[in-house]
Amino acid sequence: MNRKISADGAAELDWRKSSYSSNGSEADCVEIAPATDTVYVRDSKNTQGPRLAVGGAAWAQFVAHAAGI
């Protein structure tokens, strides 16, 4: 499980950005946060905005499809 514990003891998701993301002024990337049975996805330019929750099996199928496996 990839969670961090904040100063007040609440669990926080460990968000990760793609290594292919631009480091410039373009904000055209998503971030993911893997958890036990779910992968959360959010817009990197709106980190407090809505999040998409995807089941682990569905995420694995998506990644395999995107990678052309």
N, C-alpha and C. Protein backbone atom coordinates (compact mmCIF):
# COMPACT_ATOMS: atom_id res chain seq x y z
N MET A 1 0.84 -1.17 0.00
CA MET A 1 0.00 0.00 0.00
C MET A 1 0.89 1.23 0.00
N ASN A 2 0.57 2.18 -0.84
CA ASN A 2 1.37 3.39 -0.96
C ASN A 2 0.63 4.58 -0.36
N ARG A 3 0.74 4.73 0.92
CA ARG A 3 0.11 5.86 1.59
C ARG A 3 1.12 6.50 2.53
N LYS A 4 1.00 7.79 2.68
CA LYS A 4 1.81 8.53 3.64
C LYS A 4 0.92 8.92 4.80
N ILE A 5 1.49 9.07 5.94
CA ILE A 5 0.74 9.53 7.12
C ILE A 5 1.09 10.99 7.34
N SER A 6 0.07 11.83 7.40
CA SER A 6 0.28 13.26 7.60
C SER A 6 0.55 13.55 9.06
N ALA A 7 0.86 14.79 9.37
CA ALA A 7 1.18 15.21 10.73
C ALA A 7 0.02 14.96 11.69
N ASP A 8 -1.22 15.04 11.19
CA ASP A 8 -2.36 14.81 12.08
C ASP A 8 -2.79 13.35 12.12
N GLY A 9 -2.01 12.45 11.49
CA GLY A 9 -2.28 11.03 11.55
C GLY A 9 -3.19 10.50 10.46
N ALA A 10 -3.71 11.36 9.60
CA ALA A 10 -4.59 10.92 8.53
C ALA A 10 -3.76 10.35 7.37
N ALA A 11 -4.29 9.33 6.73
CA ALA A 11 -3.60 8.73 5.58
C ALA A 11 -3.73 9.64 4.37
N GLU A 12 -2.65 9.82 3.65
CA GLU A 12 -2.66 10.60 2.42
C GLU A 12 -2.18 9.71 1.29
N LEU A 13 -2.69 9.94 0.11
CA LEU A 13 -2.25 9.18 -1.05
C LEU A 13 -0.88 9.67 -1.51
N ASP A 14 -0.09 8.77 -2.04
CA ASP A 14 1.24 9.08 -2.56
C ASP A 14 1.13 9.27 -4.07
N TRP A 15 0.93 10.51 -4.50
CA TRP A 15 0.70 10.83 -5.91
C TRP A 15 2.00 10.77 -6.70
N ARG A 16 1.91 10.22 -7.91
CA ARG A 16 3.07 10.09 -8.79
C ARG A 16 2.74 10.64 -10.17
N LYS A 17 3.70 11.32 -10.74
CA LYS A 17 3.55 11.92 -12.06
C LYS A 17 4.43 11.14 -13.03
N SER A 18 3.98 10.99 -14.25
CA SER A 18 4.74 10.27 -15.25
C SER A 18 6.10 10.90 -15.50
N SER A 19 7.10 10.07 -15.72
CA SER A 19 8.43 10.58 -16.06
C SER A 19 8.42 11.20 -17.46
N TYR A 20 7.37 10.96 -18.22
CA TYR A 20 7.23 11.55 -19.55
C TYR A 20 6.56 12.92 -19.49
N SER A 21 6.15 13.36 -18.31
CA SER A 21 5.49 14.65 -18.17
C SER A 21 6.45 15.79 -18.48
N SER A 22 5.88 16.84 -18.97
CA SER A 22 6.67 18.04 -19.25
C SER A 22 7.01 18.73 -17.94
N ASN A 23 8.20 19.24 -17.84
CA ASN A 23 8.60 20.02 -16.67
C ASN A 23 8.52 21.51 -16.96
N GLY A 24 7.98 21.85 -18.12
CA GLY A 24 7.85 23.24 -18.51
C GLY A 24 6.54 23.83 -18.03
N SER A 25 6.07 24.83 -18.74
CA SER A 25 4.85 25.52 -18.33
C SER A 25 3.59 24.76 -18.75
N GLU A 26 3.73 23.72 -19.59
CA GLU A 26 2.57 22.95 -19.99
C GLU A 26 2.09 22.10 -18.81
N ALA A 27 0.81 22.12 -18.60
CA ALA A 27 0.25 21.32 -17.50
C ALA A 27 -0.71 20.30 -18.11
N ASP A 28 -0.14 19.36 -18.83
CA ASP A 28 -0.96 18.42 -19.58
C ASP A 28 -0.75 16.99 -19.13
N CYS A 29 -0.77 16.78 -17.84
CA CYS A 29 -0.46 15.45 -17.33
C CYS A 29 -1.47 15.05 -16.27
N VAL A 30 -1.55 13.76 -16.05
CA VAL A 30 -2.33 13.23 -14.94
C VAL A 30 -1.35 12.65 -13.93
N GLU A 31 -1.82 12.50 -12.72
CA GLU A 31 -1.05 11.87 -11.66
C GLU A 31 -1.85 10.67 -11.17
N ILE A 32 -1.14 9.65 -10.69
CA ILE A 32 -1.82 8.49 -10.13
C ILE A 32 -1.34 8.26 -8.70
N ALA A 33 -2.19 7.62 -7.94
CA ALA A 33 -1.86 7.23 -6.56
C ALA A 33 -2.37 5.81 -6.35
N PRO A 34 -1.47 4.84 -6.39
CA PRO A 34 -1.92 3.46 -6.16
C PRO A 34 -2.23 3.22 -4.68
N ALA A 35 -3.30 2.51 -4.43
CA ALA A 35 -3.68 2.12 -3.07
C ALA A 35 -3.88 0.60 -3.10
N THR A 36 -4.42 0.03 -2.06
CA THR A 36 -4.52 -1.42 -1.94
C THR A 36 -5.22 -2.07 -3.14
N ASP A 37 -6.45 -1.73 -3.41
CA ASP A 37 -7.21 -2.34 -4.52
C ASP A 37 -7.67 -1.32 -5.54
N THR A 38 -7.16 -0.11 -5.47
CA THR A 38 -7.63 0.99 -6.31
C THR A 38 -6.46 1.84 -6.76
N VAL A 39 -6.58 2.40 -7.95
CA VAL A 39 -5.63 3.39 -8.43
C VAL A 39 -6.43 4.67 -8.63
N TYR A 40 -5.98 5.75 -8.00
CA TYR A 40 -6.65 7.04 -8.12
C TYR A 40 -5.93 7.86 -9.18
N VAL A 41 -6.71 8.60 -9.96
CA VAL A 41 -6.18 9.43 -11.04
C VAL A 41 -6.71 10.84 -10.85
N ARG A 42 -5.82 11.83 -11.04
CA ARG A 42 -6.25 13.23 -10.94
C ARG A 42 -5.51 14.07 -11.97
N ASP A 43 -6.02 15.24 -12.23
CA ASP A 43 -5.43 16.21 -13.14
C ASP A 43 -4.29 16.92 -12.42
N SER A 44 -3.10 16.92 -12.99
CA SER A 44 -1.94 17.51 -12.32
C SER A 44 -2.06 19.02 -12.14
N LYS A 45 -2.87 19.68 -12.94
CA LYS A 45 -3.01 21.13 -12.79
C LYS A 45 -4.15 21.52 -11.86
N ASN A 46 -4.90 20.52 -11.37
CA ASN A 46 -5.98 20.77 -10.42
C ASN A 46 -5.95 19.68 -9.35
N THR A 47 -4.92 19.71 -8.52
CA THR A 47 -4.70 18.63 -7.56
C THR A 47 -5.77 18.53 -6.48
N GLN A 48 -6.54 19.58 -6.26
CA GLN A 48 -7.62 19.54 -5.28
C GLN A 48 -8.95 19.20 -5.92
N GLY A 49 -8.96 19.01 -7.23
CA GLY A 49 -10.19 18.73 -7.97
C GLY A 49 -10.63 17.28 -7.85
N PRO A 50 -11.55 16.90 -8.72
CA PRO A 50 -12.09 15.54 -8.66
C PRO A 50 -11.04 14.47 -8.96
N ARG A 51 -11.28 13.29 -8.44
CA ARG A 51 -10.39 12.15 -8.64
C ARG A 51 -11.18 10.99 -9.20
N LEU A 52 -10.56 10.25 -10.07
CA LEU A 52 -11.16 9.05 -10.64
C LEU A 52 -10.57 7.85 -9.90
N ALA A 53 -11.42 6.95 -9.45
CA ALA A 53 -10.97 5.73 -8.77
C ALA A 53 -11.18 4.56 -9.71
N VAL A 54 -10.11 3.80 -9.98
CA VAL A 54 -10.15 2.67 -10.90
C VAL A 54 -9.70 1.43 -10.14
N GLY A 55 -10.42 0.33 -10.32
CA GLY A 55 -10.03 -0.93 -9.68
C GLY A 55 -8.68 -1.40 -10.20
N GLY A 56 -7.97 -2.13 -9.36
CA GLY A 56 -6.63 -2.59 -9.72
C GLY A 56 -6.58 -3.42 -10.99
N ALA A 57 -7.53 -4.34 -11.17
CA ALA A 57 -7.56 -5.19 -12.36
C ALA A 57 -7.82 -4.35 -13.61
N ALA A 58 -8.76 -3.41 -13.52
CA ALA A 58 -9.05 -2.54 -14.66
C ALA A 58 -7.84 -1.67 -15.01
N TRP A 59 -7.13 -1.19 -13.98
CA TRP A 59 -5.94 -0.38 -14.22
C TRP A 59 -4.87 -1.20 -14.94
N ALA A 60 -4.67 -2.43 -14.51
CA ALA A 60 -3.68 -3.30 -15.14
C ALA A 60 -4.03 -3.54 -16.60
N GLN A 61 -5.31 -3.73 -16.91
CA GLN A 61 -5.74 -3.90 -18.30
C GLN A 61 -5.49 -2.64 -19.11
N PHE A 62 -5.78 -1.48 -18.52
CA PHE A 62 -5.55 -0.21 -19.21
C PHE A 62 -4.07 -0.02 -19.53
N VAL A 63 -3.21 -0.27 -18.54
CA VAL A 63 -1.77 -0.09 -18.74
C VAL A 63 -1.25 -1.04 -19.82
N ALA A 64 -1.72 -2.30 -19.78
CA ALA A 64 -1.30 -3.26 -20.80
C ALA A 64 -1.74 -2.81 -22.19
N HIS A 65 -2.96 -2.31 -22.29
CA HIS A 65 -3.47 -1.83 -23.58
C HIS A 65 -2.68 -0.61 -24.06
N ALA A 66 -2.43 0.32 -23.15
CA ALA A 66 -1.70 1.54 -23.51
C ALA A 66 -0.27 1.22 -23.93
N ALA A 67 0.31 0.19 -23.34
CA ALA A 67 1.68 -0.21 -23.66
C ALA A 67 1.73 -1.09 -24.91
N GLY A 68 0.57 -1.49 -25.41
CA GLY A 68 0.53 -2.32 -26.60
C GLY A 68 0.88 -3.77 -26.34
N ILE A 69 0.67 -4.20 -25.12
CA ILE A 69 0.99 -5.60 -24.75
C ILE A 69 -0.15 -6.50 -25.16
